[in-house]
């Protein structure tokens, strides 16, 4: 896996309440900082669709 990155909105490296991303070979992996063992994988297109839906206030699915 590649290095994990977190948003600057997460409050720094000591804050464990954040979502972290890693991208390797076109696969995006996401995990929550306080549960680093629970990782989900997705594609850039599906992640972009999720972000658009969240920004629009809509549901998923």
PDB file of N, CA and C in Angstrom:
ATOM      1  N   UNK A   1       0.831  -1.171   0.000  1.00  0.00           N
ATOM      2  CA  UNK A   1       0.000   0.000   0.000  1.00  0.00           C
ATOM      3  C   UNK A   1       0.879   1.238   0.000  1.00  0.00           C
ATOM      4  N   UNK A   2       0.352   2.277  -0.594  1.00  0.00           N
ATOM      5  CA  UNK A   2       1.066   3.540  -0.619  1.00  0.00           C
ATOM      6  C   UNK A   2       0.895   4.294   0.687  1.00  0.00           C
ATOM      7  N   UNK A   3       1.522   5.461   0.785  1.00  0.00           N
ATOM      8  CA  UNK A   3       1.392   6.243   2.018  1.00  0.00           C
ATOM      9  C   UNK A   3      -0.028   6.772   2.196  1.00  0.00           C
ATOM     10  N   UNK A   4      -0.471   6.840   3.426  1.00  0.00           N
ATOM     11  CA  UNK A   4      -1.805   7.359   3.742  1.00  0.00           C
ATOM     12  C   UNK A   4      -1.743   8.868   3.835  1.00  0.00           C
ATOM     13  N   UNK A   5      -2.776   9.525   3.318  1.00  0.00           N
ATOM     14  CA  UNK A   5      -2.872  10.979   3.369  1.00  0.00           C
ATOM     15  C   UNK A   5      -4.187  11.350   4.023  1.00  0.00           C
ATOM     16  N   UNK A   6      -4.167  12.460   4.754  1.00  0.00           N
ATOM     17  CA  UNK A   6      -5.403  12.958   5.353  1.00  0.00           C
ATOM     18  C   UNK A   6      -5.557  14.437   5.044  1.00  0.00           C
ATOM     19  N   UNK A   7      -6.757  14.888   5.081  1.00  0.00           N
ATOM     20  CA  UNK A   7      -7.077  16.274   4.787  1.00  0.00           C
ATOM     21  C   UNK A   7      -6.519  17.203   5.855  1.00  0.00           C
ATOM     22  N   UNK A   8      -6.177  18.405   5.443  1.00  0.00           N
ATOM     23  CA  UNK A   8      -5.731  19.407   6.409  1.00  0.00           C
ATOM     24  C   UNK A   8      -6.878  19.795   7.352  1.00  0.00           C
ATOM     25  N   UNK A   9      -8.112  19.494   6.976  1.00  0.00           N
ATOM     26  CA  UNK A   9      -9.263  19.769   7.833  1.00  0.00           C
ATOM     27  C   UNK A   9      -9.336  18.802   9.020  1.00  0.00           C
ATOM     28  N   UNK A  10      -8.516  17.775   9.026  1.00  0.00           N
ATOM     29  CA  UNK A  10      -8.565  16.767  10.083  1.00  0.00           C
ATOM     30  C   UNK A  10      -7.917  17.232  11.378  1.00  0.00           C
ATOM     31  N   UNK A  11      -7.190  18.329  11.360  1.00  0.00           N
ATOM     32  CA  UNK A  11      -6.632  18.863  12.600  1.00  0.00           C
ATOM     33  C   UNK A  11      -5.254  18.343  12.949  1.00  0.00           C
ATOM     34  N   UNK A  12      -4.488  17.883  11.994  1.00  0.00           N
ATOM     35  CA  UNK A  12      -3.120  17.463  12.280  1.00  0.00           C
ATOM     36  C   UNK A  12      -2.960  15.970  12.425  1.00  0.00           C
ATOM     37  N   UNK A  13      -1.731  15.536  12.548  1.00  0.00           N
ATOM     38  CA  UNK A  13      -1.411  14.107  12.574  1.00  0.00           C
ATOM     39  C   UNK A  13      -1.814  13.430  13.882  1.00  0.00           C
ATOM     40  N   UNK A  14      -2.016  14.178  14.969  1.00  0.00           N
ATOM     41  CA  UNK A  14      -2.386  13.562  16.240  1.00  0.00           C
ATOM     42  C   UNK A  14      -3.873  13.246  16.326  1.00  0.00           C
ATOM     43  N   UNK A  15      -4.687  13.874  15.493  1.00  0.00           N
ATOM     44  CA  UNK A  15      -6.128  13.663  15.520  1.00  0.00           C
ATOM     45  C   UNK A  15      -6.466  12.353  14.824  1.00  0.00           C
ATOM     46  N   UNK A  16      -7.098  11.438  15.541  1.00  0.00           N
ATOM     47  CA  UNK A  16      -7.449  10.128  14.977  1.00  0.00           C
ATOM     48  C   UNK A  16      -8.848  10.091  14.392  1.00  0.00           C
ATOM     49  N   UNK A  17      -9.611  11.183  14.482  1.00  0.00           N
ATOM     50  CA  UNK A  17     -10.971  11.227  13.963  1.00  0.00           C
ATOM     51  C   UNK A  17     -10.959  11.818  12.560  1.00  0.00           C
ATOM     52  N   UNK A  18     -10.532  11.023  11.598  1.00  0.00           N
ATOM     53  CA  UNK A  18     -10.415  11.518  10.234  1.00  0.00           C
ATOM     54  C   UNK A  18     -10.484  10.352   9.256  1.00  0.00           C
ATOM     55  N   UNK A  19     -10.652  10.694   8.008  1.00  0.00           N
ATOM     56  CA  UNK A  19     -10.601   9.698   6.940  1.00  0.00           C
ATOM     57  C   UNK A  19      -9.267   9.867   6.225  1.00  0.00           C
ATOM     58  N   UNK A  20      -8.604   8.761   5.974  1.00  0.00           N
ATOM     59  CA  UNK A  20      -7.323   8.783   5.288  1.00  0.00           C
ATOM     60  C   UNK A  20      -7.460   8.070   3.942  1.00  0.00           C
ATOM     61  N   UNK A  21      -6.712   8.534   2.945  1.00  0.00           N
ATOM     62  CA  UNK A  21      -6.747   7.974   1.598  1.00  0.00           C
ATOM     63  C   UNK A  21      -5.371   7.505   1.179  1.00  0.00           C
ATOM     64  N   UNK A  22      -5.353   6.468   0.359  1.00  0.00           N
ATOM     65  CA  UNK A  22      -4.132   5.978  -0.257  1.00  0.00           C
ATOM     66  C   UNK A  22      -4.498   5.511  -1.663  1.00  0.00           C
ATOM     67  N   UNK A  23      -3.651   5.798  -2.629  1.00  0.00           N
ATOM     68  CA  UNK A  23      -3.923   5.381  -4.007  1.00  0.00           C
ATOM     69  C   UNK A  23      -2.722   4.615  -4.552  1.00  0.00           C
ATOM     70  N   UNK A  24      -2.984   3.396  -5.012  1.00  0.00           N
ATOM     71  CA  UNK A  24      -1.946   2.554  -5.603  1.00  0.00           C
ATOM     72  C   UNK A  24      -2.530   1.875  -6.830  1.00  0.00           C
ATOM     73  N   UNK A  25      -1.867   2.016  -7.945  1.00  0.00           N
ATOM     74  CA  UNK A  25      -2.278   1.361  -9.192  1.00  0.00           C
ATOM     75  C   UNK A  25      -3.737   1.662  -9.560  1.00  0.00           C
ATOM     76  N   UNK A  26      -4.176   2.898  -9.321  1.00  0.00           N
ATOM     77  CA  UNK A  26      -5.521   3.308  -9.694  1.00  0.00           C
ATOM     78  C   UNK A  26      -6.622   2.867  -8.746  1.00  0.00           C
ATOM     79  N   UNK A  27      -6.260   2.230  -7.644  1.00  0.00           N
ATOM     80  CA  UNK A  27      -7.238   1.811  -6.636  1.00  0.00           C
ATOM     81  C   UNK A  27      -7.104   2.753  -5.444  1.00  0.00           C
ATOM     82  N   UNK A  28      -8.218   3.342  -5.052  1.00  0.00           N
ATOM     83  CA  UNK A  28      -8.220   4.241  -3.905  1.00  0.00           C
ATOM     84  C   UNK A  28      -8.675   3.459  -2.688  1.00  0.00           C
ATOM     85  N   UNK A  29      -7.886   3.553  -1.639  1.00  0.00           N
ATOM     86  CA  UNK A  29      -8.232   2.891  -0.385  1.00  0.00           C
ATOM     87  C   UNK A  29      -8.553   3.964   0.652  1.00  0.00           C
ATOM     88  N   UNK A  30      -9.581   3.711   1.441  1.00  0.00           N
ATOM     89  CA  UNK A  30     -10.007   4.641   2.483  1.00  0.00           C
ATOM     90  C   UNK A  30     -10.037   3.911   3.816  1.00  0.00           C
ATOM     91  N   UNK A  31      -9.691   4.643   4.862  1.00  0.00           N
ATOM     92  CA  UNK A  31      -9.807   4.099   6.215  1.00  0.00           C
ATOM     93  C   UNK A  31     -10.083   5.243   7.173  1.00  0.00           C
ATOM     94  N   UNK A  32     -10.615   4.908   8.326  1.00  0.00           N
ATOM     95  CA  UNK A  32     -10.844   5.897   9.370  1.00  0.00           C
ATOM     96  C   UNK A  32      -9.649   5.860  10.309  1.00  0.00           C
ATOM     97  N   UNK A  33      -9.186   7.024  10.719  1.00  0.00           N
ATOM     98  CA  UNK A  33      -7.979   7.120  11.524  1.00  0.00           C
ATOM     99  C   UNK A  33      -8.013   6.319  12.810  1.00  0.00           C
ATOM    100  N   UNK A  34      -9.185   6.220  13.445  1.00  0.00           N
ATOM    101  CA  UNK A  34      -9.243   5.483  14.705  1.00  0.00           C
ATOM    102  C   UNK A  34      -9.482   3.988  14.516  1.00  0.00           C
ATOM    103  N   UNK A  35      -9.661   3.531  13.269  1.00  0.00           N
ATOM    104  CA  UNK A  35      -9.773   2.104  12.954  1.00  0.00           C
ATOM    105  C   UNK A  35      -8.949   1.798  11.707  1.00  0.00           C
ATOM    106  N   UNK A  36      -7.625   1.897  11.789  1.00  0.00           N
ATOM    107  CA  UNK A  36      -6.783   1.765  10.601  1.00  0.00           C
ATOM    108  C   UNK A  36      -6.803   0.380   9.950  1.00  0.00           C
ATOM    109  N   UNK A  37      -7.300  -0.620  10.645  1.00  0.00           N
ATOM    110  CA  UNK A  37      -7.359  -1.956  10.071  1.00  0.00           C
ATOM    111  C   UNK A  37      -8.554  -2.176   9.156  1.00  0.00           C
ATOM    112  N   UNK A  38      -9.551  -1.316   9.243  1.00  0.00           N
ATOM    113  CA  UNK A  38     -10.754  -1.428   8.415  1.00  0.00           C
ATOM    114  C   UNK A  38     -10.574  -0.554   7.180  1.00  0.00           C
ATOM    115  N   UNK A  39     -10.258  -1.187   6.054  1.00  0.00           N
ATOM    116  CA  UNK A  39      -9.956  -0.469   4.810  1.00  0.00           C
ATOM    117  C   UNK A  39     -10.967  -0.864   3.739  1.00  0.00           C
ATOM    118  N   UNK A  40     -11.488   0.127   3.018  1.00  0.00           N
ATOM    119  CA  UNK A  40     -12.335  -0.155   1.870  1.00  0.00           C
ATOM    120  C   UNK A  40     -11.633   0.354   0.620  1.00  0.00           C
ATOM    121  N   UNK A  41     -11.902  -0.277  -0.500  1.00  0.00           N
ATOM    122  CA  UNK A  41     -11.275   0.096  -1.767  1.00  0.00           C
ATOM    123  C   UNK A  41     -12.342   0.508  -2.767  1.00  0.00           C
ATOM    124  N   UNK A  42     -12.002   1.460  -3.617  1.00  0.00           N
ATOM    125  CA  UNK A  42     -12.929   1.941  -4.636  1.00  0.00           C
ATOM    126  C   UNK A  42     -12.138   2.459  -5.827  1.00  0.00           C
ATOM    127  N   UNK A  43     -12.860   2.902  -6.827  1.00  0.00           N
ATOM    128  CA  UNK A  43     -12.225   3.481  -8.014  1.00  0.00           C
ATOM    129  C   UNK A  43     -12.356   5.004  -7.954  1.00  0.00           C
ATOM    130  N   UNK A  44     -11.531   5.723  -8.695  1.00  0.00           N
ATOM    131  CA  UNK A  44     -11.661   7.182  -8.711  1.00  0.00           C
ATOM    132  C   UNK A  44     -13.047   7.657  -9.138  1.00  0.00           C
ATOM    133  N   UNK A  45     -13.648   7.011 -10.117  1.00  0.00           N
ATOM    134  CA  UNK A  45     -14.971   7.410 -10.588  1.00  0.00           C
ATOM    135  C   UNK A  45     -16.048   7.241  -9.534  1.00  0.00           C
ATOM    136  N   UNK A  46     -16.018   6.132  -8.812  1.00  0.00           N
ATOM    137  CA  UNK A  46     -17.013   5.898  -7.765  1.00  0.00           C
ATOM    138  C   UNK A  46     -16.811   6.843  -6.591  1.00  0.00           C
ATOM    139  N   UNK A  47     -15.575   7.143  -6.250  1.00  0.00           N
ATOM    140  CA  UNK A  47     -15.321   8.095  -5.176  1.00  0.00           C
ATOM    141  C   UNK A  47     -15.796   9.485  -5.578  1.00  0.00           C
ATOM    142  N   UNK A  48     -15.551   9.876  -6.810  1.00  0.00           N
ATOM    143  CA  UNK A  48     -16.012  11.175  -7.308  1.00  0.00           C
ATOM    144  C   UNK A  48     -17.541  11.263  -7.254  1.00  0.00           C
ATOM    145  N   UNK A  49     -18.223  10.182  -7.617  1.00  0.00           N
ATOM    146  CA  UNK A  49     -19.693  10.164  -7.564  1.00  0.00           C
ATOM    147  C   UNK A  49     -20.185  10.303  -6.127  1.00  0.00           C
ATOM    148  N   UNK A  50     -19.521   9.654  -5.187  1.00  0.00           N
ATOM    149  CA  UNK A  50     -19.876   9.765  -3.783  1.00  0.00           C
ATOM    150  C   UNK A  50     -19.710  11.211  -3.301  1.00  0.00           C
ATOM    151  N   UNK A  51     -18.596  11.817  -3.640  1.00  0.00           N
ATOM    152  CA  UNK A  51     -18.341  13.197  -3.220  1.00  0.00           C
ATOM    153  C   UNK A  51     -19.381  14.142  -3.810  1.00  0.00           C
ATOM    154  N   UNK A  52     -19.713  13.955  -5.085  1.00  0.00           N
ATOM    155  CA  UNK A  52     -20.756  14.798  -5.703  1.00  0.00           C
ATOM    156  C   UNK A  52     -22.087  14.642  -4.984  1.00  0.00           C
ATOM    157  N   UNK A  53     -22.456  13.403  -4.648  1.00  0.00           N
ATOM    158  CA  UNK A  53     -23.734  13.152  -3.962  1.00  0.00           C
ATOM    159  C   UNK A  53     -23.748  13.783  -2.573  1.00  0.00           C
ATOM    160  N   UNK A  54     -22.650  13.683  -1.860  1.00  0.00           N
ATOM    161  CA  UNK A  54     -22.575  14.271  -0.528  1.00  0.00           C
ATOM    162  C   UNK A  54     -22.671  15.783  -0.602  1.00  0.00           C
ATOM    163  N   UNK A  55     -21.960  16.383  -1.547  1.00  0.00           N
ATOM    164  CA  UNK A  55     -22.006  17.839  -1.711  1.00  0.00           C
ATOM    165  C   UNK A  55     -23.394  18.315  -2.104  1.00  0.00           C
ATOM    166  N   UNK A  56     -24.108  17.518  -2.871  1.00  0.00           N
ATOM    167  CA  UNK A  56     -25.452  17.882  -3.310  1.00  0.00           C
ATOM    168  C   UNK A  56     -26.511  17.612  -2.234  1.00  0.00           C
ATOM    169  N   UNK A  57     -26.094  16.942  -1.153  1.00  0.00           N
ATOM    170  CA  UNK A  57     -27.026  16.657  -0.086  1.00  0.00           C
ATOM    171  C   UNK A  57     -27.903  15.450  -0.371  1.00  0.00           C
ATOM    172  N   UNK A  58     -27.555  14.711  -1.407  1.00  0.00           N
ATOM    173  CA  UNK A  58     -28.338  13.548  -1.768  1.00  0.00           C
ATOM    174  C   UNK A  58     -27.859  12.280  -1.100  1.00  0.00           C
ATOM    175  N   UNK A  59     -28.636  11.253  -1.236  1.00  0.00           N
ATOM    176  CA  UNK A  59     -28.262   9.957  -0.688  1.00  0.00           C
ATOM    177  C   UNK A  59     -27.398   9.184  -1.657  1.00  0.00           C
ATOM    178  N   UNK A  60     -27.011   8.030  -1.242  1.00  0.00           N
ATOM    179  CA  UNK A  60     -26.196   7.143  -2.070  1.00  0.00           C
ATOM    180  C   UNK A  60     -27.068   5.974  -2.489  1.00  0.00           C
ATOM    181  N   UNK A  61     -26.938   5.584  -3.751  1.00  0.00           N
ATOM    182  CA  UNK A  61     -27.659   4.405  -4.189  1.00  0.00           C
ATOM    183  C   UNK A  61     -28.740   4.704  -5.053  1.00  0.00           C
TER     184      UNK A  61
END
